């Protein structure tokens, strides 16, 4: 996707950085027309960082000036991905700014809630389109099922608890039916318990679909529904054995637990403050491009290099912020990627208690899928920068898929816009604009989840090579190979789902540390 044509480079590179970032003393309309596409893109990135810094400092006037300029260059309906991404972040930054005025903020929340209540069906449709368009949820379901299948080898009575809530999909369990039916010795007696707050209709629909499919596969099957949010289960922990009773965990059944993109929401229950200190960690899959470089990869000597130079020379928000931007733009080898991970885990008492309660259920396996991002940092600027890069990648994934829809391209563009506004836009607002218990989107990287799980008495279960091959086969069969890839971490303990070598999701498997079996890996085929 060539957002900024190469023939605009000369005028962009000849402009000093200060002219690209400093507020114009003249009328707003004129300076926009004077900028080339390259210059507009660089200015947008700079204005977003500058606006975030002003918001963090509580500088209303200067933040407002930045927002006015961003809105001149960006729009949710703009033709270029970077413009739409900037519009979403400008919305989040403006909400963050308003939140500094509690009275105004609360008054606006009522009107926002009233207007969004009528869009619930649109959100459902947008989530469905996101599932169909990008492979991350499909890969999470497939690799989770593969891990469950291997863990349940030889078991005749299997109970799967689905804690994924809004991310639950009957498709995952239909695929598990198929896998169990094909195993040596035939399928087990299977029971699925789904925890979901989507209402009785949603759960009844899932039950009907699964019962019909189980009958077709000739699998003994039972479906149990628990109408609740994951947060509601935490409230049960003060009562002994309440979690076991609500989830209907029985002796004689081998228990598996699946949770997709939900555990991070429990961190909001304690209003995690995080740690100010950070340390460097090595993680796989780091030789990656930042979103703006990805978007400009068809002309790397124009926009990508220009952006790297301008950010390096201009974005001196603080020594830490500057070094962070430079490191994120510098390609590195997979073994050398640096990422910030909070050292402390204080403030996560409820999450820790919940994980300990899960351990107390003695599951054979717990499979966790989470966004691979640090959106739970204490420092606002760190969260903002991480979110801008992470959601920039997701916007680019959607743009590529929309552009590839040669037939019905207009419809694909409309669906993409709905996902950007109602799904990804809402997540960005959650990361950037909200604080305290209202900030539910507290994504953390796998290294941090590993520490949390181990602190709760869990140990890793290796993800098998066979699971990775199944995931790669899916990418090839759907025409997604190339841009997307599945990376097995060096120790074979997790999978990372990547877009142009940038890890966007992780899947890992766990079991109670006391339940040690021979061998550390579930299987190799």
Protein backbone atom coordinates (compact mmCIF):
# COMPACT_ATOMS: atom_id res chain seq x y z
CA UNK A 1 0.00 0.00 0.00
CA UNK A 2 1.78 3.11 -1.20
CA UNK A 3 0.23 5.74 1.03
CA UNK A 4 2.73 8.44 0.20
CA UNK A 5 3.95 8.51 -3.43
CA UNK A 6 7.70 8.45 -3.96
CA UNK A 7 7.66 11.56 -6.15
CA UNK A 8 6.82 13.67 -3.08
CA UNK A 9 10.01 12.79 -1.24
CA UNK A 10 12.18 15.66 -2.39
CA UNK A 11 9.88 18.36 -1.06
CA UNK A 12 9.32 16.49 2.19
CA UNK A 13 12.96 15.84 2.95
CA UNK A 14 13.96 19.41 2.18
CA UNK A 15 11.67 20.78 4.91
CA UNK A 16 13.20 21.28 8.36
CA UNK A 17 11.69 19.24 11.16
CA UNK A 18 10.51 22.31 13.00
CA UNK A 19 8.33 23.41 10.09
CA UNK A 20 6.65 20.02 10.04
CA UNK A 21 5.78 19.93 13.73
CA UNK A 22 5.39 23.46 14.99
CA UNK A 23 1.86 24.90 15.04
CA UNK A 24 1.25 27.16 12.08
CA UNK A 25 0.76 30.85 12.90
CA UNK A 26 -1.46 31.24 9.84
CA UNK A 27 -4.92 29.92 9.08
CA UNK A 28 -5.31 26.16 9.30
CA UNK A 29 -6.67 25.53 5.82
CA UNK A 30 -3.71 26.98 3.95
CA UNK A 31 -0.92 24.97 5.54
CA UNK A 32 -2.69 21.68 4.87
CA UNK A 33 -2.85 22.40 1.16
CA UNK A 34 0.83 23.35 1.10
CA UNK A 35 1.98 19.99 2.50
CA UNK A 36 2.73 17.01 0.28
CA UNK A 37 1.35 13.59 1.21
CA UNK A 38 4.70 12.63 2.74
CA UNK A 39 4.76 15.78 4.83
CA UNK A 40 1.17 15.27 5.96
CA UNK A 41 1.98 11.77 7.17
CA UNK A 42 5.08 12.85 9.08
CA UNK A 43 3.22 15.79 10.55
CA UNK A 44 0.37 13.53 11.69
CA UNK A 45 2.73 11.22 13.58
CA UNK A 46 4.50 14.17 15.17
CA UNK A 47 1.26 15.88 16.13
CA UNK A 48 -0.06 12.70 17.75
CA UNK A 49 3.05 12.35 19.91
CA UNK A 50 3.06 16.06 20.71
CA UNK A 51 -0.64 16.00 21.59
CA UNK A 52 -0.17 12.98 23.86
CA UNK A 53 2.64 14.78 25.70
CA UNK A 54 0.49 17.90 26.14
CA UNK A 55 -2.43 15.81 27.39
CA UNK A 56 -0.13 14.04 29.85
CA UNK A 57 1.02 17.46 31.08
CA UNK A 58 -2.57 18.74 31.33
CA UNK A 59 -1.80 21.55 28.86
CA UNK A 60 -5.32 22.10 27.54
CA UNK A 61 -4.61 24.94 25.12
CA UNK A 62 -1.60 23.31 23.47
CA UNK A 63 -3.33 19.91 23.31
CA UNK A 64 -6.39 21.53 21.76
CA UNK A 65 -4.20 23.24 19.14
CA UNK A 66 -2.66 19.86 18.23
CA UNK A 67 -6.10 18.25 17.99
CA UNK A 68 -7.32 21.00 15.67
CA UNK A 69 -4.40 20.38 13.35
CA UNK A 70 -4.80 16.58 13.50
CA UNK A 71 -8.46 16.94 12.55
CA UNK A 72 -7.43 18.98 9.52
CA UNK A 73 -5.30 16.08 8.30
CA UNK A 74 -7.20 13.03 9.57
CA UNK A 75 -10.70 11.60 9.32
CA UNK A 76 -12.46 8.29 9.94
CA UNK A 77 -13.57 8.42 6.29
CA UNK A 78 -10.15 9.30 4.85
CA UNK A 79 -8.75 7.13 2.04
CA UNK A 80 -5.42 6.41 3.74
CA UNK A 81 -4.92 4.09 6.70
CA UNK A 82 -2.65 6.45 8.62
CA UNK A 83 -5.26 9.22 8.44
CA UNK A 84 -7.97 6.95 9.82
CA UNK A 85 -5.64 5.64 12.54
CA UNK A 86 -4.80 9.21 13.53
CA UNK A 87 -8.51 10.10 13.70
CA UNK A 88 -9.13 7.20 16.12
CA UNK A 89 -6.23 8.26 18.34
CA UNK A 90 -7.29 11.93 18.20
CA UNK A 91 -10.70 10.84 19.48
CA UNK A 92 -9.08 8.90 22.33
CA UNK A 93 -6.75 11.78 23.22
CA UNK A 94 -9.64 14.25 23.26
CA UNK A 95 -11.57 11.95 25.62
CA UNK A 96 -8.50 11.66 27.82
CA UNK A 97 -8.27 15.46 27.90
CA UNK A 98 -11.94 15.81 28.79
CA UNK A 99 -11.55 13.22 31.56
CA UNK A 100 -9.38 15.76 33.37
CA UNK A 101 -12.63 17.73 33.87
CA UNK A 102 -14.77 15.20 35.81
CA UNK A 103 -18.05 17.14 35.56
CA UNK A 104 -17.85 17.57 31.80
CA UNK A 105 -16.62 14.03 31.36
CA UNK A 106 -19.51 12.44 33.27
CA UNK A 107 -22.10 14.53 31.43
CA UNK A 108 -20.71 13.42 28.09
CA UNK A 109 -20.59 9.77 29.18
CA UNK A 110 -24.38 9.70 29.51
CA UNK A 111 -24.95 10.96 25.96
CA UNK A 112 -22.28 8.61 24.59
CA UNK A 113 -23.87 5.62 26.34
CA UNK A 114 -27.30 6.54 24.98
CA UNK A 115 -26.04 6.84 21.41
CA UNK A 116 -23.97 3.63 21.53
CA UNK A 117 -26.71 1.46 23.06
CA UNK A 118 -28.43 1.28 19.69
CA UNK A 119 -25.25 0.04 17.99
CA UNK A 120 -24.95 -3.29 19.80
CA UNK A 121 -25.98 -5.26 16.71
CA UNK A 122 -23.46 -3.30 14.63
CA UNK A 123 -20.69 -4.20 17.07
CA UNK A 124 -21.59 -7.88 16.75
CA UNK A 125 -21.47 -7.62 12.95
CA UNK A 126 -18.15 -5.77 13.13
CA UNK A 127 -16.62 -8.47 15.34
CA UNK A 128 -17.82 -11.12 12.90
CA UNK A 129 -16.18 -9.26 10.02
CA UNK A 130 -12.93 -8.97 11.99
CA UNK A 131 -13.03 -12.72 12.63
CA UNK A 132 -13.58 -13.42 8.92
CA UNK A 133 -11.02 -10.92 7.67
CA UNK A 134 -7.90 -11.46 9.79
CA UNK A 135 -6.74 -14.87 11.02
CA UNK A 136 -5.79 -14.20 14.65
CA UNK A 137 -8.92 -15.59 16.34
CA UNK A 138 -9.03 -18.58 13.99
CA UNK A 139 -5.40 -19.34 14.84
CA UNK A 140 -6.13 -18.98 18.56
CA UNK A 141 -9.05 -21.41 18.34
CA UNK A 142 -7.10 -23.92 16.26
CA UNK A 143 -3.98 -23.97 18.45
CA UNK A 144 -6.09 -24.05 21.63
CA UNK A 145 -8.01 -27.06 20.31
CA UNK A 146 -4.79 -28.79 19.31
CA UNK A 147 -3.37 -28.35 22.84
CA UNK A 148 -6.62 -29.62 24.40
CA UNK A 149 -6.69 -32.62 22.05
CA UNK A 150 -3.15 -33.62 23.01
CA UNK A 151 -3.76 -33.10 26.74
CA UNK A 152 -6.91 -35.25 26.61
CA UNK A 153 -5.34 -38.23 24.88
CA UNK A 154 -6.93 -41.39 26.26
CA UNK A 155 -9.54 -39.53 28.35
CA UNK A 156 -13.11 -40.82 28.03
CA UNK A 157 -14.91 -37.98 29.85
CA UNK A 158 -13.83 -34.44 28.97
CA UNK A 159 -15.14 -31.14 30.32
CA UNK A 160 -14.12 -27.92 28.52
CA UNK A 161 -14.81 -24.58 30.25
CA UNK A 162 -14.92 -21.63 27.86
CA UNK A 163 -14.11 -18.40 29.70
CA UNK A 164 -13.74 -16.30 26.55
CA UNK A 165 -17.02 -14.40 26.91
CA UNK A 166 -17.44 -12.02 23.92
CA UNK A 167 -14.61 -13.84 22.14
CA UNK A 168 -16.45 -17.18 22.36
CA UNK A 169 -17.45 -18.74 19.07
CA UNK A 170 -19.26 -22.01 18.43
CA UNK A 171 -16.90 -22.53 15.48
CA UNK A 172 -14.09 -23.37 17.92
CA UNK A 173 -15.98 -26.24 19.53
CA UNK A 174 -17.34 -27.57 16.24
CA UNK A 175 -13.73 -27.86 15.11
CA UNK A 176 -12.93 -29.69 18.36
CA UNK A 177 -15.78 -32.14 17.64
CA UNK A 178 -14.13 -32.90 14.32
CA UNK A 179 -10.71 -33.38 15.94
CA UNK A 180 -12.04 -35.67 18.69
CA UNK A 181 -14.01 -37.75 16.19
CA UNK A 182 -10.83 -38.39 14.20
CA UNK A 183 -8.73 -39.51 17.15
CA UNK A 184 -7.78 -43.12 17.75
CA UNK A 185 -10.33 -44.77 20.00
CA UNK A 186 -13.11 -42.41 19.00
CA UNK A 187 -14.49 -39.29 20.67
CA UNK A 188 -14.96 -38.90 24.43
CA UNK A 189 -18.12 -37.91 26.27
CA UNK A 190 -17.76 -34.15 25.91
CA UNK A 191 -19.23 -31.38 28.02
CA UNK A 192 -18.75 -27.67 27.25
CA UNK A 193 -19.52 -24.95 29.80
CA UNK A 194 -19.61 -21.43 28.33
CA UNK A 195 -19.36 -18.33 30.53
CA UNK A 196 -20.90 -15.46 28.59
CA UNK A 197 -22.93 -12.35 29.40
CA UNK A 198 -24.41 -11.98 25.91
CA UNK A 199 -27.87 -12.92 27.14
CA UNK A 200 -30.02 -16.03 27.12
CA UNK A 201 -30.69 -15.80 23.37
CA UNK A 202 -26.98 -15.88 22.53
CA UNK A 203 -26.32 -18.85 24.82
CA UNK A 204 -29.40 -20.72 23.58
CA UNK A 205 -28.30 -20.20 20.00
CA UNK A 206 -24.82 -21.55 20.79
CA UNK A 207 -26.33 -24.54 22.58
CA UNK A 208 -28.59 -25.36 19.62
CA UNK A 209 -25.79 -25.10 17.06
CA UNK A 210 -23.42 -27.27 19.09
CA UNK A 211 -26.06 -29.89 19.89
CA UNK A 212 -26.90 -30.22 16.19
CA UNK A 213 -23.25 -30.54 15.19
CA UNK A 214 -22.49 -33.03 17.98
CA UNK A 215 -25.37 -35.19 16.79
CA UNK A 216 -24.03 -35.06 13.23
CA UNK A 217 -20.57 -36.11 14.50
CA UNK A 218 -22.13 -38.79 16.71
CA UNK A 219 -20.42 -37.39 19.81
CA UNK A 220 -22.01 -37.74 23.28
CA UNK A 221 -22.38 -34.07 24.20
CA UNK A 222 -23.74 -31.76 26.87
CA UNK A 223 -23.76 -27.95 26.91
CA UNK A 224 -23.96 -25.87 30.09
CA UNK A 225 -24.41 -22.10 30.05
CA UNK A 226 -23.33 -19.66 32.76
CA UNK A 227 -24.73 -16.21 32.08
CA UNK A 228 -22.04 -14.03 33.64
CA UNK A 229 -18.93 -12.00 32.96
CA UNK A 230 -15.49 -13.20 33.91
CA UNK A 231 -15.41 -10.39 36.49
CA UNK A 232 -18.51 -11.89 38.13
CA UNK A 233 -16.69 -15.15 38.79
CA UNK A 234 -14.09 -13.25 40.81
CA UNK A 235 -16.85 -12.19 43.23
CA UNK A 236 -17.43 -15.85 44.09
CA UNK A 237 -13.95 -16.45 45.43
CA UNK A 238 -14.84 -15.56 49.03
CA UNK A 239 -17.14 -18.59 49.17
CA UNK A 240 -15.33 -21.95 49.37
CA UNK A 241 -15.83 -24.17 46.33
CA UNK A 242 -18.23 -21.64 44.72
CA UNK A 243 -16.25 -21.53 41.46
CA UNK A 244 -16.31 -25.32 41.18
CA UNK A 245 -20.07 -25.34 41.73
CA UNK A 246 -20.86 -22.54 39.26
CA UNK A 247 -18.73 -24.12 36.53
CA UNK A 248 -20.15 -27.55 37.42
CA UNK A 249 -16.74 -29.18 37.66
CA UNK A 250 -17.18 -32.87 38.47
CA UNK A 251 -14.84 -35.59 39.57
CA UNK A 252 -14.21 -38.22 36.93
CA UNK A 253 -14.00 -35.67 34.10
CA UNK A 254 -10.73 -34.37 32.66
CA UNK A 255 -10.94 -30.57 32.77
CA UNK A 256 -9.65 -28.15 30.11
CA UNK A 257 -10.04 -24.37 30.33
CA UNK A 258 -9.89 -22.00 27.36
CA UNK A 259 -9.74 -18.22 27.74
CA UNK A 260 -9.27 -15.98 24.69
CA UNK A 261 -8.45 -12.28 25.11
CA UNK A 262 -10.23 -11.92 28.46
CA UNK A 263 -7.81 -12.42 31.37
CA UNK A 264 -6.37 -8.91 30.98
CA UNK A 265 -9.76 -7.44 31.90
CA UNK A 266 -9.43 -8.82 35.43
CA UNK A 267 -6.48 -6.51 36.02
CA UNK A 268 -8.90 -3.57 36.06
CA UNK A 269 -10.62 -5.00 39.14
CA UNK A 270 -7.67 -3.90 41.23
CA UNK A 271 -6.85 -0.73 39.28
CA UNK A 272 -3.32 -1.96 38.70
CA UNK A 273 -0.85 0.87 39.07
CA UNK A 274 2.07 -1.06 37.62
CA UNK A 275 5.68 -0.24 38.21
CA UNK A 276 7.47 2.90 37.14
CA UNK A 277 10.64 0.96 36.59
CA UNK A 278 11.02 -1.16 33.48
CA UNK A 279 13.56 -3.66 32.36
CA UNK A 280 14.61 -5.09 29.04
CA UNK A 281 13.48 -8.56 28.00
CA UNK A 282 14.38 -10.70 25.04
CA UNK A 283 11.40 -12.05 23.11
CA UNK A 284 11.00 -13.83 19.79
CA UNK A 285 9.82 -12.32 16.58
CA UNK A 286 11.39 -8.93 17.09
CA UNK A 287 12.88 -8.27 13.70
CA UNK A 288 9.73 -6.40 12.82
CA UNK A 289 8.67 -3.21 11.14
CA UNK A 290 6.66 -0.54 12.89
CA UNK A 291 3.18 0.04 11.43
CA UNK A 292 4.14 3.18 9.58
CA UNK A 293 7.09 1.38 8.01
CA UNK A 294 4.83 -1.52 7.08
CA UNK A 295 2.41 0.88 5.42
CA UNK A 296 5.25 2.39 3.46
CA UNK A 297 7.08 -0.83 2.60
CA UNK A 298 6.37 -0.45 -1.12
CA UNK A 299 8.54 2.69 -1.11
CA UNK A 300 10.96 2.23 1.81
CA UNK A 301 13.26 5.01 0.72
CA UNK A 302 10.54 7.61 0.98
CA UNK A 303 8.08 7.68 3.86
CA UNK A 304 9.65 5.03 6.09
CA UNK A 305 13.13 6.53 6.15
CA UNK A 306 11.75 10.04 6.33
CA UNK A 307 9.63 9.18 9.35
CA UNK A 308 12.51 7.46 11.13
CA UNK A 309 14.77 10.48 10.67
CA UNK A 310 12.17 13.03 11.68
CA UNK A 311 11.10 11.14 14.80
CA UNK A 312 14.73 10.67 15.74
CA UNK A 313 15.53 14.37 15.46
CA UNK A 314 12.28 15.98 16.60
CA UNK A 315 10.40 13.88 19.15
CA UNK A 316 12.44 14.87 22.18
CA UNK A 317 9.54 14.50 24.60
CA UNK A 318 11.93 13.00 27.16
CA UNK A 319 15.17 11.03 27.01
CA UNK A 320 13.23 7.80 27.65
CA UNK A 321 10.57 8.57 25.07
CA UNK A 322 13.12 9.49 22.43
CA UNK A 323 15.19 6.35 22.94
CA UNK A 324 12.00 4.29 22.90
CA UNK A 325 10.90 5.71 19.55
CA UNK A 326 14.33 5.20 18.02
CA UNK A 327 14.55 1.58 19.23
CA UNK A 328 11.07 0.79 17.92
CA UNK A 329 12.06 2.04 14.48
CA UNK A 330 15.36 0.18 14.33
CA UNK A 331 15.20 -3.34 12.83
CA UNK A 332 16.85 -5.92 15.08
CA UNK A 333 17.47 -9.63 15.02
CA UNK A 334 14.83 -11.81 16.72
CA UNK A 335 17.14 -12.56 19.62
CA UNK A 336 17.85 -8.89 20.22
CA UNK A 337 14.38 -7.32 20.42
CA UNK A 338 13.97 -5.10 23.45
CA UNK A 339 10.58 -4.62 25.06
CA UNK A 340 9.37 -3.01 28.25
CA UNK A 341 7.69 -5.25 30.79
CA UNK A 342 6.64 -4.03 34.22
CA UNK A 343 8.72 -5.59 36.96
CA UNK A 344 6.13 -5.52 39.72
CA UNK A 345 2.86 -7.39 39.81
CA UNK A 346 1.40 -5.71 42.88
CA UNK A 347 -2.20 -4.60 42.62
CA UNK A 348 -3.31 -7.78 40.86
CA UNK A 349 -4.63 -9.49 43.97
CA UNK A 350 -7.99 -10.44 42.46
CA UNK A 351 -6.45 -11.81 39.28
CA UNK A 352 -3.97 -13.81 41.38
CA UNK A 353 -6.75 -15.21 43.55
CA UNK A 354 -8.76 -16.12 40.46
CA UNK A 355 -5.81 -17.95 38.88
CA UNK A 356 -5.21 -19.78 42.17
CA UNK A 357 -8.89 -20.77 42.23
CA UNK A 358 -8.55 -22.07 38.66
CA UNK A 359 -5.50 -24.05 39.75
CA UNK A 360 -7.61 -25.47 42.58
CA UNK A 361 -9.98 -26.99 40.00
CA UNK A 362 -7.06 -29.27 38.95
CA UNK A 363 -7.38 -28.74 35.18
CA UNK A 364 -5.25 -30.90 32.91
CA UNK A 365 -4.65 -27.83 30.78
CA UNK A 366 -5.42 -24.09 30.71
CA UNK A 367 -4.89 -22.40 27.34
CA UNK A 368 -4.53 -18.61 27.35
CA UNK A 369 -4.66 -16.37 24.26
CA UNK A 370 -3.88 -12.68 24.70
CA UNK A 371 -2.86 -9.66 22.59
CA UNK A 372 0.94 -9.43 22.59
CA UNK A 373 1.28 -5.82 23.69
CA UNK A 374 2.12 -3.79 26.78
CA UNK A 375 -0.99 -1.62 27.18
CA UNK A 376 -0.90 -1.77 30.97
CA UNK A 377 2.10 0.44 31.63
CA UNK A 378 1.76 2.99 34.42
CA UNK A 379 3.19 5.78 32.26
CA UNK A 380 0.60 7.28 29.90
CA UNK A 381 3.12 8.09 27.15
CA UNK A 382 4.40 4.52 27.15
CA UNK A 383 0.87 3.16 26.75
CA UNK A 384 0.15 5.66 23.99
CA UNK A 385 3.26 4.81 21.99
CA UNK A 386 2.69 1.07 22.34
CA UNK A 387 -0.97 1.42 21.31
CA UNK A 388 -0.12 3.57 18.28
CA UNK A 389 2.26 0.91 16.97
CA UNK A 390 0.04 -2.06 17.86
CA UNK A 391 -3.23 -0.75 16.45
CA UNK A 392 -1.40 0.67 13.45
CA UNK A 393 -0.55 -2.93 12.55
CA UNK A 394 -4.16 -4.05 12.99
CA UNK A 395 -5.41 -1.16 10.84
CA UNK A 396 -2.96 -2.19 8.16
CA UNK A 397 -4.14 -5.83 8.32
CA UNK A 398 -7.71 -4.66 7.72
CA UNK A 399 -6.71 -2.31 4.93
CA UNK A 400 -4.88 -5.08 3.08
CA UNK A 401 -7.84 -7.41 3.42
CA UNK A 402 -10.23 -4.75 2.20
CA UNK A 403 -8.04 -3.94 -0.79
CA UNK A 404 -7.82 -7.65 -1.65
CA UNK A 405 -11.61 -7.92 -1.89
CA UNK A 406 -11.74 -7.26 -5.65
CA UNK A 407 -15.41 -8.18 -5.76
CA UNK A 408 -17.72 -6.10 -3.56
CA UNK A 409 -14.84 -3.76 -2.71
CA UNK A 410 -17.20 -1.00 -1.61
CA UNK A 411 -18.95 -3.34 0.83
CA UNK A 412 -15.56 -4.49 2.19
CA UNK A 413 -14.53 -0.87 2.75
CA UNK A 414 -17.74 -0.19 4.66
CA UNK A 415 -17.22 -3.26 6.85
CA UNK A 416 -13.61 -2.27 7.47
CA UNK A 417 -14.69 1.21 8.55
CA UNK A 418 -17.18 -0.31 10.98
CA UNK A 419 -14.49 -2.50 12.56
CA UNK A 420 -12.11 0.46 12.86
CA UNK A 421 -14.74 2.61 14.54
CA UNK A 422 -16.69 0.18 16.74
CA UNK A 423 -14.13 -2.49 17.66
CA UNK A 424 -10.56 -1.21 17.33
CA UNK A 425 -11.56 2.38 18.04
CA UNK A 426 -13.24 1.33 21.27
CA UNK A 427 -10.14 -0.61 22.32
CA UNK A 428 -7.92 2.40 21.60
CA UNK A 429 -10.19 4.55 23.76
CA UNK A 430 -9.89 1.91 26.49
CA UNK A 431 -6.10 2.02 26.41
CA UNK A 432 -5.55 5.75 25.88
CA UNK A 433 -8.54 7.62 27.29
CA UNK A 434 -9.56 5.70 30.40
CA UNK A 435 -8.02 5.25 33.82
CA UNK A 436 -8.72 3.32 36.99
CA UNK A 437 -11.32 0.58 36.98
CA UNK A 438 -12.76 1.96 33.71
CA UNK A 439 -9.60 0.99 31.83
CA UNK A 440 -10.42 -2.62 30.92
CA UNK A 441 -8.00 -3.02 28.00
CA UNK A 442 -4.90 -3.86 30.03
CA UNK A 443 -3.09 -6.11 27.57
CA UNK A 444 0.27 -7.46 28.66
CA UNK A 445 2.97 -9.45 26.92
CA UNK A 446 3.48 -13.16 27.39
CA UNK A 447 6.56 -12.70 29.58
CA UNK A 448 4.44 -10.83 32.12
CA UNK A 449 1.61 -13.38 31.90
CA UNK A 450 4.19 -16.08 32.55
CA UNK A 451 5.17 -14.44 35.83
CA UNK A 452 1.53 -14.05 36.84
CA UNK A 453 0.69 -17.68 36.06
CA UNK A 454 3.75 -19.03 37.84
CA UNK A 455 3.01 -16.86 40.89
CA UNK A 456 -0.42 -18.53 41.01
CA UNK A 457 1.16 -22.00 41.12
CA UNK A 458 0.94 -22.86 37.42
CA UNK A 459 3.64 -24.27 35.15
CA UNK A 460 4.05 -24.09 31.40
CA UNK A 461 2.98 -26.83 29.04
CA UNK A 462 4.95 -26.82 25.80
CA UNK A 463 3.01 -26.08 22.61
CA UNK A 464 3.79 -28.85 20.13
CA UNK A 465 5.35 -28.57 16.70
CA UNK A 466 2.26 -30.30 15.33
CA UNK A 467 0.08 -27.44 16.52
CA UNK A 468 2.31 -24.94 14.78
CA UNK A 469 2.17 -26.90 11.52
CA UNK A 470 -1.64 -27.03 11.70
CA UNK A 471 -1.71 -23.25 12.18
CA UNK A 472 0.62 -22.67 9.23
CA UNK A 473 -1.49 -25.01 7.13
CA UNK A 474 -4.53 -22.87 7.92
CA UNK A 475 -2.71 -19.71 6.83
CA UNK A 476 -1.77 -21.33 3.51
CA UNK A 477 -5.24 -22.72 2.87
CA UNK A 478 -6.85 -19.30 3.47
CA UNK A 479 -4.30 -17.44 1.34
CA UNK A 480 -2.86 -15.63 4.36
CA UNK A 481 0.69 -17.00 4.23
CA UNK A 482 3.45 -14.45 3.71
CA UNK A 483 2.19 -11.38 5.52
CA UNK A 484 1.01 -13.47 8.48
CA UNK A 485 3.11 -16.10 10.22
CA UNK A 486 3.06 -18.37 13.25
CA UNK A 487 6.28 -18.30 15.29
CA UNK A 488 7.20 -20.98 17.81
CA UNK A 489 9.16 -19.33 20.59
CA UNK A 490 12.74 -20.69 20.96
CA UNK A 491 11.88 -22.88 23.96
CA UNK A 492 8.73 -24.28 22.33
CA UNK A 493 6.52 -22.93 25.12
CA UNK A 494 4.18 -20.67 23.15
CA UNK A 495 3.05 -19.49 19.73
CA UNK A 496 3.14 -15.93 18.47
CA UNK A 497 0.86 -14.83 15.63
CA UNK A 498 2.65 -12.16 13.65
CA UNK A 499 1.95 -9.58 10.98
CA UNK A 500 5.14 -8.78 9.04
CA UNK A 501 7.20 -10.30 11.86
CA UNK A 502 5.53 -8.18 14.55
CA UNK A 503 3.91 -10.45 17.22
CA UNK A 504 0.30 -9.35 17.75
CA UNK A 505 -1.14 -12.31 19.71
CA UNK A 506 0.28 -15.11 21.84
CA UNK A 507 -1.07 -18.52 22.88
CA UNK A 508 0.35 -20.43 25.84
CA UNK A 509 -0.69 -23.51 27.83
CA UNK A 510 -0.51 -24.12 31.58
CA UNK A 511 -1.30 -26.69 34.28
CA UNK A 512 -1.05 -26.83 38.08
CA UNK A 513 2.61 -27.04 39.03
CA UNK A 514 1.95 -29.98 41.36
CA UNK A 515 0.54 -32.06 38.49
CA UNK A 516 3.80 -33.14 36.94
CA UNK A 517 3.70 -35.70 34.17
CA UNK A 518 6.50 -37.37 32.32
CA UNK A 519 7.88 -35.02 29.71
CA UNK A 520 7.32 -31.29 29.47
CA UNK A 521 5.58 -31.23 26.12
CA UNK A 522 2.10 -32.37 25.22
CA UNK A 523 3.13 -34.00 22.00
CA UNK A 524 5.21 -33.66 18.89
CA UNK A 525 2.89 -34.65 16.13
